[in-house]
Protein backbone atom coordinates (compact mmCIF):
# COMPACT_ATOMS: atom_id res chain seq x y z
CA MET A 1 3.87 -6.77 -29.74
CA PRO A 2 1.43 -8.45 -27.30
CA GLY A 3 -1.31 -10.55 -28.86
CA PHE A 4 -4.22 -8.50 -27.57
CA ILE A 5 -2.67 -5.32 -29.05
CA ARG A 6 -2.25 -7.04 -32.44
CA ARG A 7 -5.91 -8.12 -32.37
CA HIS A 8 -7.01 -4.62 -31.41
CA TYR A 9 -5.11 -2.98 -34.26
CA LEU A 10 -6.24 -5.63 -36.75
CA GLY A 11 -9.90 -4.88 -36.03
CA LEU A 12 -9.28 -1.14 -36.16
CA GLY A 13 -7.34 -1.50 -39.41
CA LEU A 14 -10.08 -3.55 -41.07
CA THR A 15 -12.65 -0.92 -40.11
CA VAL A 16 -10.54 1.89 -41.58
CA LEU A 17 -9.93 -0.09 -44.79
CA PHE A 18 -13.65 -0.85 -45.14
CA PHE A 19 -14.61 2.82 -45.06
CA LEU A 20 -11.69 3.70 -47.31
CA CYS A 21 -12.91 1.14 -49.86
CA MET A 22 -16.42 2.56 -49.64
CA VAL A 23 -15.24 6.11 -50.30
CA LEU A 24 -12.86 5.15 -53.12
CA GLY A 25 -15.43 2.80 -54.67
CA MET A 26 -18.23 5.36 -54.69
CA VAL A 27 -15.98 8.06 -56.14
CA GLY A 28 -14.62 5.62 -58.72
CA PHE A 29 -18.02 4.28 -59.85
CA THR A 30 -19.38 7.82 -60.14
CA ARG A 31 -16.48 8.89 -62.39
CA TYR A 32 -16.72 5.68 -64.42
CA ALA A 33 -20.44 6.26 -64.96
CA GLU A 34 -19.80 9.85 -66.05
CA GLN A 35 -17.18 8.66 -68.57
CA ASN A 36 -19.38 5.93 -70.02
CA GLY A 37 -22.85 7.46 -69.68
CA GLY A 38 -24.05 5.16 -66.92
CA PRO A 39 -26.34 5.90 -63.92
CA THR A 40 -24.81 8.10 -61.22
CA ASP A 41 -27.52 8.12 -58.53
CA VAL A 42 -26.28 7.44 -54.99
CA GLY A 43 -28.29 4.24 -54.40
CA TYR A 44 -26.93 2.53 -57.53
CA VAL A 45 -23.33 3.60 -56.84
CA LEU A 46 -23.57 2.47 -53.19
CA TYR A 47 -24.94 -0.94 -54.28
CA LYS A 48 -22.16 -1.44 -56.83
CA THR A 49 -19.57 -0.47 -54.19
CA PHE A 50 -20.91 -3.04 -51.73
CA GLN A 51 -20.62 -5.67 -54.46
CA LEU A 52 -16.86 -5.09 -54.58
CA PHE A 53 -16.51 -6.95 -51.25
CA SER A 54 -18.02 -10.09 -52.83
CA ILE A 55 -15.98 -9.67 -56.05
CA GLU A 56 -19.09 -9.20 -58.18
CA SER A 57 -18.87 -5.69 -59.64
CA GLY A 58 -15.21 -5.15 -60.35
CA ALA A 59 -15.09 -6.50 -63.95
CA LEU A 60 -15.17 -3.26 -66.00
CA GLU A 61 -14.02 -2.19 -69.43
CA PRO A 62 -11.01 0.15 -69.34
CA PRO A 63 -10.23 2.87 -68.72
CA VAL A 64 -11.00 2.46 -64.98
CA PRO A 65 -10.48 5.45 -62.64
CA TRP A 66 -7.55 4.96 -60.25
CA THR A 67 -9.82 5.32 -57.19
CA LEU A 68 -11.97 2.44 -58.38
CA GLN A 69 -8.88 0.44 -59.33
CA ILE A 70 -7.63 0.63 -55.75
CA ALA A 71 -11.05 -0.13 -54.26
CA ARG A 72 -11.72 -3.25 -56.34
CA PHE A 73 -8.41 -4.82 -55.32
CA LEU A 74 -8.56 -3.67 -51.67
CA ALA A 75 -12.16 -4.75 -50.98
CA PRO A 76 -11.54 -8.52 -51.47
CA VAL A 77 -8.52 -8.30 -49.17
CA VAL A 78 -10.76 -6.82 -46.45
CA THR A 79 -13.34 -9.57 -47.05
CA ILE A 80 -10.83 -12.44 -46.95
CA THR A 81 -9.08 -11.08 -43.85
CA THR A 82 -12.39 -10.65 -42.03
CA VAL A 83 -13.51 -14.19 -42.92
CA LEU A 84 -10.21 -15.63 -41.70
CA LYS A 85 -10.52 -13.68 -38.48
CA VAL A 86 -14.06 -14.99 -37.89
CA ILE A 87 -12.93 -18.56 -38.60
CA SER A 88 -9.99 -18.24 -36.22
CA ARG A 89 -12.26 -16.93 -33.47
CA PHE A 90 -14.68 -19.77 -34.14
CA PHE A 91 -11.95 -22.38 -33.73
CA GLU A 92 -10.24 -20.54 -30.86
CA GLY A 93 -12.24 -22.40 -28.20
CA PHE A 94 -11.55 -25.75 -29.86
CA LEU A 95 -7.82 -25.07 -30.12
CA ARG A 96 -7.71 -23.83 -26.53
CA THR A 97 -9.34 -27.04 -25.32
CA ARG A 98 -6.81 -29.15 -27.27
CA ARG A 99 -3.99 -27.09 -25.82
CA ILE A 100 -5.24 -27.45 -22.25
CA ARG A 101 -5.55 -31.21 -22.57
CA ARG A 102 -1.79 -31.42 -23.10
CA TYR A 103 -1.02 -29.38 -19.98
CA ARG A 104 0.65 -31.14 -17.06
CA LYS A 105 2.14 -29.71 -13.86
CA HIS A 106 0.64 -26.30 -14.55
CA THR A 107 -0.91 -23.70 -12.24
CA VAL A 108 -4.64 -22.97 -12.19
CA ILE A 109 -5.76 -19.54 -10.93
CA CYS A 110 -9.43 -19.06 -10.11
CA GLY A 111 -10.33 -15.39 -10.28
CA LEU A 112 -8.62 -12.69 -12.34
CA GLY A 113 -9.01 -9.68 -10.11
CA ARG A 114 -6.06 -7.61 -9.00
CA LYS A 115 -4.78 -10.33 -6.64
CA GLY A 116 -5.20 -13.10 -9.20
CA TYR A 117 -3.51 -11.08 -11.93
CA GLN A 118 -0.56 -10.24 -9.68
CA LEU A 119 -0.03 -13.93 -8.96
CA LEU A 120 -0.48 -14.80 -12.64
CA GLN A 121 2.25 -12.32 -13.57
CA ASP A 122 4.62 -13.87 -11.03
CA CYS A 123 3.85 -17.38 -12.30
CA CYS A 124 4.45 -16.43 -15.93
CA MET A 125 7.67 -14.61 -15.03
CA SER A 126 8.92 -17.75 -13.27
CA GLY A 127 8.29 -19.84 -16.38
CA ARG A 128 5.17 -21.67 -15.20
CA ARG A 129 2.30 -22.51 -17.50
CA VAL A 130 -0.90 -20.94 -16.24
CA ILE A 131 -4.59 -21.50 -16.86
CA ALA A 132 -6.82 -18.81 -15.38
CA ILE A 133 -10.59 -19.03 -14.89
CA GLU A 134 -12.55 -15.79 -14.99
CA ARG A 135 -16.32 -15.34 -14.89
CA GLU A 136 -16.53 -11.70 -15.96
CA GLU A 137 -16.34 -11.20 -19.72
CA ASP A 138 -15.25 -7.57 -19.34
CA SER A 139 -12.45 -8.20 -16.83
CA PRO A 140 -9.62 -5.73 -17.58
CA PHE A 141 -7.01 -8.41 -16.89
CA VAL A 142 -8.07 -11.06 -19.41
CA ARG A 143 -6.26 -9.68 -22.44
CA SER A 144 -3.19 -8.76 -20.40
CA SER A 145 -3.06 -12.31 -19.04
CA GLU A 146 -3.29 -13.79 -22.54
CA SER A 147 -0.50 -11.52 -23.72
CA LEU A 148 1.72 -13.02 -21.01
CA GLY A 149 1.10 -16.49 -22.42
CA ALA A 150 -1.58 -17.67 -19.99
CA VAL A 151 -4.72 -19.46 -21.15
CA VAL A 152 -7.92 -17.81 -19.89
CA LEU A 153 -11.13 -19.82 -19.62
CA ARG A 154 -14.36 -17.84 -19.44
CA GLY A 155 -16.58 -19.55 -16.93
CA ASN A 156 -17.65 -19.90 -13.32
CA ALA A 157 -15.00 -21.66 -11.23
CA MET A 158 -17.72 -22.80 -8.82
CA ASP A 159 -18.79 -25.23 -11.56
CA PRO A 160 -16.75 -28.47 -11.25
CA ALA A 161 -17.03 -28.96 -15.02
CA VAL A 162 -15.13 -25.71 -15.57
CA LEU A 163 -12.46 -26.81 -13.09
CA MET A 164 -12.09 -30.11 -14.94
CA ALA A 165 -11.83 -28.24 -18.24
CA ALA A 166 -8.88 -26.33 -16.76
CA GLY A 167 -7.06 -29.63 -16.17
CA ILE A 168 -7.27 -29.27 -12.43
CA LEU A 169 -6.50 -32.96 -11.84
CA HIS A 170 -3.10 -32.57 -13.53
CA ALA A 171 -2.13 -29.22 -11.98
CA ASP A 172 0.78 -28.78 -9.60
CA ALA A 173 -0.83 -25.80 -7.88
CA VAL A 174 -4.31 -24.29 -7.63
CA ILE A 175 -4.75 -20.70 -6.46
CA ILE A 176 -8.26 -19.60 -5.48
CA THR A 177 -8.42 -15.84 -5.09
CA THR A 178 -11.70 -14.21 -6.07
CA GLY A 179 -12.81 -11.13 -4.17
CA ASP A 180 -15.31 -12.98 -1.95
CA ASP A 181 -14.55 -15.46 0.86
CA ASP A 182 -17.79 -17.42 0.36
CA THR A 183 -17.07 -17.82 -3.35
CA ASN A 184 -13.53 -19.01 -2.63
CA VAL A 185 -14.80 -21.62 -0.18
CA GLU A 186 -17.41 -22.80 -2.68
CA ILE A 187 -14.77 -23.16 -5.41
CA PHE A 188 -12.57 -25.16 -3.05
CA SER A 189 -15.49 -27.42 -2.18
CA GLY A 190 -16.01 -28.18 -5.87
CA TYR A 191 -12.29 -28.84 -6.30
CA ALA A 192 -12.23 -31.10 -3.24
CA ARG A 193 -15.13 -33.13 -4.59
CA CYS A 194 -13.25 -33.58 -7.88
CA THR A 195 -10.22 -34.93 -6.01
CA LYS A 196 -12.41 -37.40 -4.08
CA GLU A 197 -14.06 -38.59 -7.28
CA HIS A 198 -10.70 -39.15 -9.03
CA PRO A 199 -8.34 -40.57 -6.37
CA ALA A 200 -6.08 -42.19 -8.98
CA ALA A 201 -4.91 -38.76 -10.14
CA PHE A 202 -3.37 -38.12 -6.69
CA ARG A 203 -2.03 -41.58 -5.97
CA ASP A 204 1.67 -40.66 -6.27
CA ARG A 205 1.62 -36.90 -5.72
CA ARG A 206 0.14 -34.04 -3.72
CA THR A 207 -1.20 -30.86 -5.26
CA THR A 208 -0.78 -27.57 -3.43
CA CYS A 209 -3.92 -25.47 -3.06
CA TYR A 210 -3.77 -21.82 -1.99
CA ILE A 211 -7.06 -20.22 -1.00
CA HIS A 212 -7.56 -16.60 -0.01
CA VAL A 213 -9.81 -16.10 3.03
CA PHE A 214 -10.01 -12.75 4.81
CA ARG A 215 -12.59 -13.21 7.56
CA PRO A 216 -11.25 -15.24 10.52
CA LEU A 217 -14.68 -16.75 11.25
CA ILE A 218 -15.01 -18.06 7.70
CA LYS A 219 -11.47 -19.37 7.89
CA ARG A 220 -12.20 -21.29 11.08
CA LEU A 221 -15.44 -22.74 9.73
CA PHE A 222 -13.73 -23.64 6.48
CA THR A 223 -10.82 -25.49 8.10
CA GLU A 224 -13.17 -27.39 10.42
CA GLN A 225 -15.49 -28.76 7.73
CA PRO A 226 -15.19 -32.55 7.13
CA LEU A 227 -14.46 -32.10 3.42
CA PHE A 228 -11.38 -30.03 4.26
CA ARG A 229 -9.98 -32.82 6.43
CA ASP A 230 -10.93 -35.58 3.98
CA VAL A 231 -8.73 -34.24 1.16
CA GLN A 232 -5.61 -33.39 3.18
CA GLN A 233 -3.98 -36.63 2.02
CA SER A 234 -4.27 -35.46 -1.61
CA LEU A 235 -3.92 -31.70 -1.20
CA ASP A 236 -1.46 -29.52 0.66
CA ILE A 237 -3.80 -26.67 1.61
CA HIS A 238 -2.57 -23.16 2.43
CA VAL A 239 -5.02 -20.48 3.56
CA PHE A 240 -3.59 -17.01 2.99
CA ASP A 241 -4.73 -13.44 3.49
CA VAL A 242 -3.06 -10.58 1.61
CA TYR A 243 -4.38 -8.05 4.12
CA ASP A 244 -2.71 -9.89 6.98
CA ASN A 245 0.47 -10.18 4.90
CA ALA A 246 0.47 -6.41 4.37
CA CYS A 247 -0.06 -5.72 8.07
CA ARG A 248 2.67 -8.17 9.07
CA ILE A 249 5.17 -6.43 6.79
CA ALA A 250 4.13 -2.96 7.99
CA PHE A 251 4.36 -3.95 11.66
CA ARG A 252 7.83 -5.45 11.33
CA LYS A 253 9.19 -2.56 9.26
CA HIS A 254 7.60 0.49 10.83
CA LEU A 255 5.70 -0.10 14.08
CA LEU A 256 8.33 -1.67 16.32
CA PRO A 257 9.97 0.74 18.80
CA SER A 258 13.42 2.16 18.09
CA ALA A 259 14.69 0.80 21.44
CA PRO A 260 13.81 -2.47 23.22
CA VAL A 261 10.88 -2.36 25.66
CA GLY A 262 11.95 -3.81 29.01
CA PRO A 263 9.79 -4.99 31.94
CA ASP A 264 9.91 -1.56 33.62
CA ASP A 265 9.37 0.47 30.47
CA PRO A 266 6.14 2.53 30.77
CA ARG A 267 5.69 2.91 27.02
CA ARG A 268 3.26 1.11 24.76
CA LEU A 269 2.32 1.25 21.10
CA GLN A 270 -0.46 3.63 20.13
CA LEU A 271 -1.93 3.35 16.66
CA LEU A 272 -4.51 5.62 15.06
CA ILE A 273 -6.30 4.01 12.11
CA PHE A 274 -8.14 6.13 9.55
CA GLY A 275 -10.62 4.01 7.58
CA PHE A 276 -12.02 0.74 8.87
CA GLY A 277 -12.48 -1.39 5.79
CA ARG A 278 -10.75 -4.71 5.30
CA MET A 279 -7.24 -3.30 5.66
CA GLY A 280 -8.07 -1.24 8.74
CA GLN A 281 -9.68 -4.24 10.42
CA ALA A 282 -6.73 -6.50 9.55
CA LEU A 283 -4.25 -3.97 10.93
CA LEU A 284 -6.16 -3.62 14.19
CA LEU A 285 -6.32 -7.40 14.67
CA HIS A 286 -2.65 -7.90 13.85
CA VAL A 287 -1.49 -5.19 16.27
CA ALA A 288 -3.85 -6.44 19.00
CA ARG A 289 -2.47 -9.95 18.57
CA THR A 290 1.22 -9.09 18.22
CA ALA A 291 2.13 -5.79 19.94
CA HIS A 292 2.61 -7.21 23.46
CA PHE A 293 6.02 -6.48 24.92
CA ALA A 294 7.96 -7.41 28.07
CA ASN A 295 6.25 -4.74 30.19
CA GLY A 296 2.89 -6.48 29.74
CA MET A 297 1.10 -3.34 28.55
CA MET A 298 -1.61 -3.69 25.92
CA PRO A 299 -1.43 -1.62 22.73
CA LYS A 300 -3.73 1.38 22.43
CA ILE A 301 -5.69 1.61 19.18
CA GLN A 302 -8.01 4.40 18.03
CA VAL A 303 -10.19 3.98 14.95
CA ILE A 304 -11.38 7.08 13.06
CA ASP A 305 -14.14 6.51 10.52
CA ARG A 306 -17.34 8.29 9.53
CA ARG A 307 -19.23 5.08 10.41
CA GLY A 308 -17.38 4.59 13.68
CA GLY A 309 -20.47 3.99 15.82
CA SER A 310 -22.03 1.23 13.71
CA LEU A 311 -18.65 -0.34 12.98
CA LYS A 312 -17.80 -0.57 16.65
CA SER A 313 -20.86 -2.59 17.63
CA SER A 314 -20.58 -5.05 14.73
CA PHE A 315 -16.81 -5.51 15.09
CA LEU A 316 -16.86 -6.08 18.85
CA GLN A 317 -19.73 -8.50 18.39
CA ARG A 318 -17.53 -10.55 16.06
CA TYR A 319 -14.49 -10.27 18.36
CA PRO A 320 -15.83 -10.11 21.93
CA GLN A 321 -12.38 -10.82 23.44
CA LEU A 322 -10.72 -7.92 21.63
CA THR A 323 -10.85 -5.61 24.64
CA HIS A 324 -8.75 -8.13 26.58
CA ALA A 325 -5.95 -7.78 24.00
CA CYS A 326 -5.90 -4.00 23.44
CA ASP A 327 -7.41 -0.70 24.52
CA VAL A 328 -9.58 0.21 21.56
CA ALA A 329 -11.74 3.27 20.91
CA PHE A 330 -13.90 4.20 17.91
CA HIS A 331 -14.48 7.80 16.77
CA GLU A 332 -17.16 8.82 14.30
CA LEU A 333 -15.18 11.54 12.52
CA ASP A 334 -14.18 12.53 9.00
CA VAL A 335 -10.48 12.24 8.20
CA GLU A 336 -10.32 15.89 7.04
CA SER A 337 -12.23 17.34 9.98
CA ALA A 338 -10.70 19.64 12.59
CA GLU A 339 -11.85 17.23 15.32
CA ALA A 340 -9.82 14.40 13.77
CA LEU A 341 -6.71 16.59 13.62
CA GLU A 342 -7.24 17.60 17.25
CA LEU A 343 -7.56 13.93 18.23
CA VAL A 344 -4.27 13.07 16.51
CA CYS A 345 -2.50 16.06 18.08
CA GLY A 346 -3.60 14.96 21.54
CA ALA A 347 -2.53 11.36 20.90
CA VAL A 348 0.98 12.17 19.71
CA GLU A 349 1.60 14.26 22.83
CA ASP A 350 1.10 11.24 25.12
CA PRO A 351 4.56 10.57 26.66
CA THR A 352 3.66 6.97 27.60
CA CYS A 353 3.25 5.87 23.97
CA TRP A 354 5.16 5.75 20.74
CA THR A 355 2.51 6.70 18.22
CA SER A 356 1.90 5.89 14.57
CA VAL A 357 -0.91 6.90 12.23
CA ALA A 358 -2.24 4.58 9.51
CA PHE A 359 -4.39 5.67 6.57
CA CYS A 360 -6.26 2.54 5.46
CA MET A 361 -9.06 3.89 3.32
CA ASP A 362 -9.94 2.21 0.01
CA ASN A 363 -8.76 5.18 -2.06
CA ASP A 364 -5.00 5.33 -2.63
CA TYR A 365 -5.01 8.99 -3.57
CA ALA A 366 -7.02 9.98 -0.47
CA ASN A 367 -4.61 8.04 1.75
CA VAL A 368 -1.51 9.67 0.27
CA SER A 369 -2.92 13.21 0.22
CA ASN A 370 -4.21 13.01 3.80
CA ALA A 371 -0.89 11.59 5.00
CA PHE A 372 0.99 14.53 3.48
CA SER A 373 -1.55 16.95 4.96
CA TYR A 374 -1.22 15.55 8.50
CA GLN A 375 2.56 15.26 8.22
CA ASN A 376 2.81 18.89 7.15
CA GLN A 377 0.73 20.06 10.13
CA LEU A 378 2.50 17.85 12.70
CA ARG A 379 6.06 18.05 11.34
CA ASP A 380 7.32 20.67 13.81
CA SER A 381 5.66 19.28 16.96
CA THR A 382 6.41 15.56 16.39
CA PRO A 383 9.24 15.16 13.89
CA GLY A 384 9.59 11.38 14.41
CA LEU A 385 5.94 10.48 13.85
CA VAL A 386 5.36 7.45 11.59
CA PHE A 387 2.60 7.55 8.95
CA LEU A 388 1.53 4.34 7.24
CA VAL A 389 -0.20 4.83 3.88
CA ARG A 390 -2.20 1.99 2.39
CA THR A 391 -1.59 1.79 -1.38
CA THR A 392 -2.66 -1.11 -3.55
CA GLN A 393 -0.91 -0.23 -6.81
CA SER A 394 2.33 1.36 -7.90
CA SER A 395 2.24 4.99 -8.97
CA SER A 396 4.64 7.91 -9.10
CA LEU A 397 3.60 8.91 -5.55
CA THR A 398 3.98 5.43 -4.04
CA ASP A 399 7.31 5.00 -5.83
CA LEU A 400 8.55 8.08 -3.99
CA LEU A 401 7.45 6.60 -0.66
CA THR A 402 9.15 3.26 -1.32
CA ALA A 403 12.32 4.55 -2.94
CA GLY A 404 14.31 3.94 0.25
CA ARG A 405 15.46 7.49 0.89
CA GLU A 406 13.49 10.12 2.80
CA THR A 407 13.24 13.77 1.91
CA GLU A 408 11.80 16.61 3.93
CA VAL A 409 8.50 16.13 2.14
CA THR A 410 8.27 12.34 2.60
CA ALA A 411 9.87 12.09 6.06
CA GLY A 412 8.07 9.51 8.20
CA ILE A 413 5.59 8.47 5.48
CA HIS A 414 5.73 4.81 4.45
CA ALA A 415 3.59 2.99 1.88
CA PHE A 416 2.28 -0.49 2.64
CA GLY A 417 -0.18 -2.95 1.17
CA ARG A 418 1.01 -2.98 -2.44
CA LEU A 419 -0.03 -6.22 -4.12
CA SER A 420 3.42 -6.62 -5.65
CA GLU A 421 4.74 -6.95 -2.08
CA CYS A 422 2.00 -8.65 -0.06
CA CYS A 423 0.47 -10.79 -2.83
CA CYS A 424 3.59 -11.90 -4.65
CA LEU A 425 4.00 -15.58 -5.42
CA GLN A 426 6.95 -16.05 -3.08
CA ARG A 427 5.09 -14.64 -0.09
CA VAL A 428 1.94 -16.64 -0.81
CA GLU A 429 3.83 -19.89 -1.37
CA GLU A 430 6.44 -19.89 1.35
CA GLY A 431 7.05 -16.64 3.19
CA GLU A 432 9.54 -16.07 5.95
CA VAL A 433 6.87 -16.38 8.63
CA GLU A 434 5.75 -19.73 7.22
CA SER A 435 9.32 -21.06 7.34
CA LEU A 436 9.77 -19.88 10.94
CA ALA A 437 6.41 -21.38 11.91
CA ARG A 438 7.43 -24.76 10.52
CA GLU A 439 10.75 -24.64 12.36
CA LEU A 440 8.99 -23.74 15.62
CA HIS A 441 6.61 -26.64 15.18
CA GLU A 442 9.42 -29.07 14.41
CA GLY A 443 11.22 -27.83 17.53
CA TYR A 444 8.10 -28.50 19.57
CA ARG A 445 7.83 -32.03 18.13
CA ALA A 446 11.48 -32.75 18.89
CA LEU A 447 11.06 -31.64 22.51
CA ARG A 448 7.88 -33.69 22.86
CA LYS A 449 9.59 -36.76 21.50
CA LEU A 450 12.51 -36.37 23.92
CA SER A 451 10.46 -35.55 26.99
CA ASP A 452 7.62 -38.06 26.53
CA PRO A 453 8.52 -40.66 23.86
CA ASP A 454 5.86 -43.14 25.04
CA HIS A 455 2.99 -40.75 24.39
CA PHE A 456 4.43 -38.88 21.41
CA GLY A 457 1.88 -38.89 18.60
CA THR A 458 -1.17 -39.09 20.84
CA ARG A 459 -1.84 -35.33 20.70
CA SER A 460 -3.22 -33.50 17.68
CA ALA A 461 -0.31 -31.06 17.85
CA ASP A 462 2.23 -33.90 17.48
CA LYS A 463 1.45 -34.38 13.79
CA ALA A 464 3.79 -33.35 11.00
CA TRP A 465 3.20 -29.91 9.48
CA HIS A 466 1.35 -31.09 6.35
CA GLU A 467 -1.05 -33.14 8.53
CA LEU A 468 -1.42 -30.50 11.25
CA ASP A 469 -4.77 -28.89 12.01
CA HIS A 470 -4.85 -25.29 10.76
CA ARG A 471 -5.52 -23.98 14.27
CA TYR A 472 -2.14 -25.30 15.36
CA ARG A 473 -0.52 -24.00 12.19
CA ASP A 474 -1.92 -20.54 12.94
CA SER A 475 -0.63 -20.79 16.51
CA SER A 476 2.88 -21.42 15.17
CA ARG A 477 2.52 -18.53 12.72
CA TYR A 478 1.48 -16.15 15.50
CA ALA A 479 4.49 -17.29 17.52
CA ALA A 480 6.71 -16.59 14.51
CA ASP A 481 5.11 -13.15 14.15
CA HIS A 482 5.99 -12.40 17.77
CA ILE A 483 9.70 -13.21 17.44
CA ASP A 484 10.52 -9.62 16.42
CA VAL A 485 8.72 -8.30 19.49
CA LYS A 486 10.63 -10.67 21.75
CA LEU A 487 13.92 -9.75 20.19
């Protein structure tokens, strides 16, 4: 039985036993007083019952009623167990600190949200020792993490002292994945300062640091800061984005055309995106960057959101070159409105496009239910239409969509974005795209060395992968993303 469940039942059991002792003790003292002519008022009996827990009122002349006999033996057990539990909780922090000090080559995870917990599960399943840092006392994943064998430190990972307490100088890997980009960058900055202050800890080894950053602007500013470059000799830094991972998987599995697109092919990809939160934005950017085929036609993207007008101005302000990569339109409509259905019906009838519809709202149930609703209304007119449904967690509905076999009800509907798929340890550490990107870069270096050996090494792009600027790494990743389109 997991540790947190044992602790829960122990506390519940002690509470039940306490009240049971109180009831049995009061009944027993009342009967004993009636037998021996003693006081029977409630206050006196209640006081004598409370004394049972301190072993002060149980010495009585026989005969003793059986209810009181049980209570006077059970009450000290409750007292001793409670005291031992309090002592163990008191020393828990001390024992945890001693345990952490012995850790070497472990993994530190900063942030126990859904992404952090998914990665923690994968680490524990692979046999790694894990120390997690979580600021929120009421995080639903703390007890579950401890039951898996991980050590959870309550504290703010932005504090370097907390990072040092987690043994960050002796860790093999550090994963920074809170729900906020700015917080992640601040945590990394504290970690980087620790590595600079203790260079001896990294003299003969390199620690791998994975940091989750969603916003491209923050990512660019982060990778260009001097501190980031200063610690690259000690740290192998990987910036990852689970939203981009999800979109990459969805594009490769479901958005590519069934037949190759040649130079004279008039078709292009058309994607309708319902919901323009983080996932909707990531999907738009990935398609705009990747869906360019041999005919040179840009993808067509339509965004449907109740805040379409305000979202359009802010998004295009952040990405002013977007209109040079795709034809994009924003519609201020509700997903369940008749106008939205009419818009989708008109889009799927366009013979110059192969069309897909993506539901990227932040509510899994709303995405699934709306996908089934649209599929049911469009099934007869466009039987091959692809629906992408953003789901973050496994459920009976998402299991049906990912079971691998289609039925009449689920035809054309595909789930994407589950954390178990896009935030698994293998994909964060070394996904297929990362391997291809490295091979492409090594191929570039080999060609450079052959074609211009005298000047090889003078360009920033000539460096080995672990020394390469992240802008060049991203360029290789985008090229790897595009291989499926080229093929």
